[in-house]
Amino acid sequence: MAPKSTMTTTADTSLPSYIPLVNIDKTNNPSPGYYFMSASPYLEIIDNEDTPVFYRYVQGSIYDFDLQPDGEVTFFIYPVTCYGLDSSLNLVRVFNTSDGFSPDVHDLRVLPDGSYYILVKELSQWI
């Protein structure tokens, strides 16, 4: 399927022309659900029909845009900040690390009780 010149969200709002177009090669048996894409500087969630159901401009390089087991959506802005969005995609928290450590952009897991595991780098290694 060729990229569409105009795409709409589920709310039937025309997308701005600066949102990156996505082309999905389809099979006759796609997996259910959505694709989570981070084409910096945009977060984008699209369905199997190439239709964005969510997009947001964020300033910076995006990494690890992911749906967590508890339903929270998380992403990193390089080099050191990780954010959490609720099921309505509203910002609900910033994930922190202990003093002397900086988040690594490669993995974060939110546990059912709201606590989390996050890979970190020791800051003294970078000074």
Protein backbone atom coordinates (compact mmCIF):
# COMPACT_ATOMS: atom_id res chain seq x y z
CA MET A 1 0.00 0.00 0.00
CA ALA A 2 1.40 3.39 -0.92
CA PRO A 3 1.59 6.04 1.80
CA LYS A 4 -1.55 8.11 2.01
CA SER A 5 -1.30 11.82 1.34
CA THR A 6 -3.72 12.51 4.19
CA MET A 7 -4.33 10.23 7.14
CA THR A 8 -6.82 10.62 9.94
CA THR A 9 -6.88 9.63 13.57
CA THR A 10 -9.71 7.63 15.10
CA ALA A 11 -11.18 10.98 16.12
CA ASP A 12 -11.34 11.80 12.37
CA THR A 13 -8.97 14.75 12.66
CA SER A 14 -6.71 15.43 9.70
CA LEU A 15 -3.07 14.96 10.54
CA PRO A 16 -0.59 17.76 9.96
CA SER A 17 1.56 17.30 6.86
CA TYR A 18 4.73 17.18 8.98
CA ILE A 19 3.79 13.86 10.65
CA PRO A 20 5.96 11.12 9.10
CA LEU A 21 4.02 8.86 6.75
CA VAL A 22 4.15 5.14 7.44
CA ASN A 23 3.91 2.36 4.90
CA ILE A 24 3.13 -1.12 6.22
CA ASP A 25 3.47 -4.13 3.97
CA LYS A 26 0.44 -6.17 4.89
CA THR A 27 -0.12 -9.88 5.01
CA ASN A 28 -3.46 -11.63 5.03
CA ASN A 29 -3.08 -12.38 8.73
CA PRO A 30 -1.72 -9.36 10.68
CA SER A 31 -1.29 -9.54 14.43
CA PRO A 32 -3.94 -7.73 16.43
CA GLY A 33 -2.99 -4.52 18.15
CA TYR A 34 -0.90 -1.50 17.31
CA TYR A 35 2.58 -0.51 16.21
CA PHE A 36 4.48 1.79 18.57
CA MET A 37 6.83 3.97 16.55
CA SER A 38 9.26 6.66 17.56
CA ALA A 39 10.29 8.56 14.47
CA SER A 40 12.02 11.36 16.38
CA PRO A 41 10.72 13.87 17.25
CA TYR A 42 7.30 12.12 17.10
CA LEU A 43 5.70 9.39 19.15
CA GLU A 44 3.18 7.57 16.99
CA ILE A 45 0.85 4.61 17.47
CA ILE A 46 -0.66 3.19 14.28
CA ASP A 47 -3.07 0.38 13.53
CA ASN A 48 -2.81 -2.39 10.91
CA GLU A 49 -4.38 -0.08 8.33
CA ASP A 50 -1.57 2.53 8.56
CA THR A 51 -3.91 4.86 10.45
CA PRO A 52 -2.40 6.78 13.36
CA VAL A 53 -4.46 6.45 16.52
CA PHE A 54 -2.08 8.67 18.50
CA TYR A 55 0.77 11.05 17.74
CA ARG A 56 2.66 13.61 19.77
CA TYR A 57 5.59 15.89 19.10
CA VAL A 58 8.30 15.63 21.74
CA GLN A 59 11.54 17.54 21.62
CA GLY A 60 14.60 15.31 21.48
CA SER A 61 15.64 11.84 20.36
CA ILE A 62 13.14 9.17 21.40
CA TYR A 63 14.04 5.64 22.49
CA ASP A 64 12.20 2.55 23.73
CA PHE A 65 8.59 3.70 23.12
CA ASP A 66 6.80 0.75 24.67
CA LEU A 67 3.59 -0.58 26.22
CA GLN A 68 4.29 -1.89 29.71
CA PRO A 69 2.60 -4.97 31.21
CA ASP A 70 0.58 -2.72 33.56
CA GLY A 71 -0.84 -0.74 30.59
CA GLU A 72 1.41 2.30 31.04
CA VAL A 73 3.14 3.61 27.92
CA THR A 74 6.76 4.64 28.41
CA PHE A 75 9.51 6.30 26.40
CA PHE A 76 12.95 7.84 26.88
CA ILE A 77 14.14 11.20 25.64
CA TYR A 78 17.89 10.94 25.16
CA PRO A 79 20.06 11.26 27.11
CA VAL A 80 18.48 11.00 30.56
CA THR A 81 14.70 11.27 30.95
CA CYS A 82 12.03 8.57 30.91
CA TYR A 83 8.31 9.36 30.89
CA GLY A 84 5.15 7.37 31.60
CA LEU A 85 1.75 7.90 29.99
CA ASP A 86 -1.51 6.48 31.32
CA SER A 87 -4.06 4.54 29.25
CA SER A 88 -5.47 7.86 27.98
CA LEU A 89 -1.91 8.85 26.91
CA ASN A 90 -1.65 11.64 29.46
CA LEU A 91 1.74 12.23 31.09
CA VAL A 92 1.53 10.74 34.58
CA ARG A 93 5.13 10.44 35.75
CA VAL A 94 8.82 10.84 35.18
CA PHE A 95 10.94 7.85 36.15
CA ASN A 96 13.85 8.72 38.41
CA THR A 97 17.10 7.05 39.35
CA SER A 98 19.25 7.33 42.46
CA ASP A 99 21.79 10.13 42.76
CA GLY A 100 24.96 9.31 40.84
CA PHE A 101 23.10 7.31 38.19
CA SER A 102 21.51 8.24 34.87
CA PRO A 103 18.85 6.19 33.03
CA ASP A 104 20.07 4.10 30.12
CA VAL A 105 17.71 4.37 27.15
CA HIS A 106 17.55 0.63 26.51
CA ASP A 107 15.09 -0.79 28.99
CA LEU A 108 12.46 -0.03 31.59
CA ARG A 109 9.90 -2.44 33.05
CA VAL A 110 6.96 -1.24 35.13
CA LEU A 111 5.73 -3.86 37.59
CA PRO A 112 2.07 -4.47 38.49
CA ASP A 113 2.46 -2.60 41.79
CA GLY A 114 3.81 0.51 39.99
CA SER A 115 7.45 0.01 40.97
CA TYR A 116 9.95 -0.36 38.14
CA TYR A 117 13.27 -1.71 36.95
CA ILE A 118 15.40 0.60 34.86
CA LEU A 119 18.88 0.14 33.41
CA VAL A 120 21.25 2.89 34.54
CA LYS A 121 24.74 4.26 33.94
CA GLU A 122 26.98 5.43 36.73
CA LEU A 123 27.60 9.14 36.17
CA SER A 124 31.22 9.01 37.39
CA GLN A 125 32.01 6.94 34.28
CA TRP A 126 31.01 9.90 32.08
CA ILE A 127 32.74 12.72 33.92
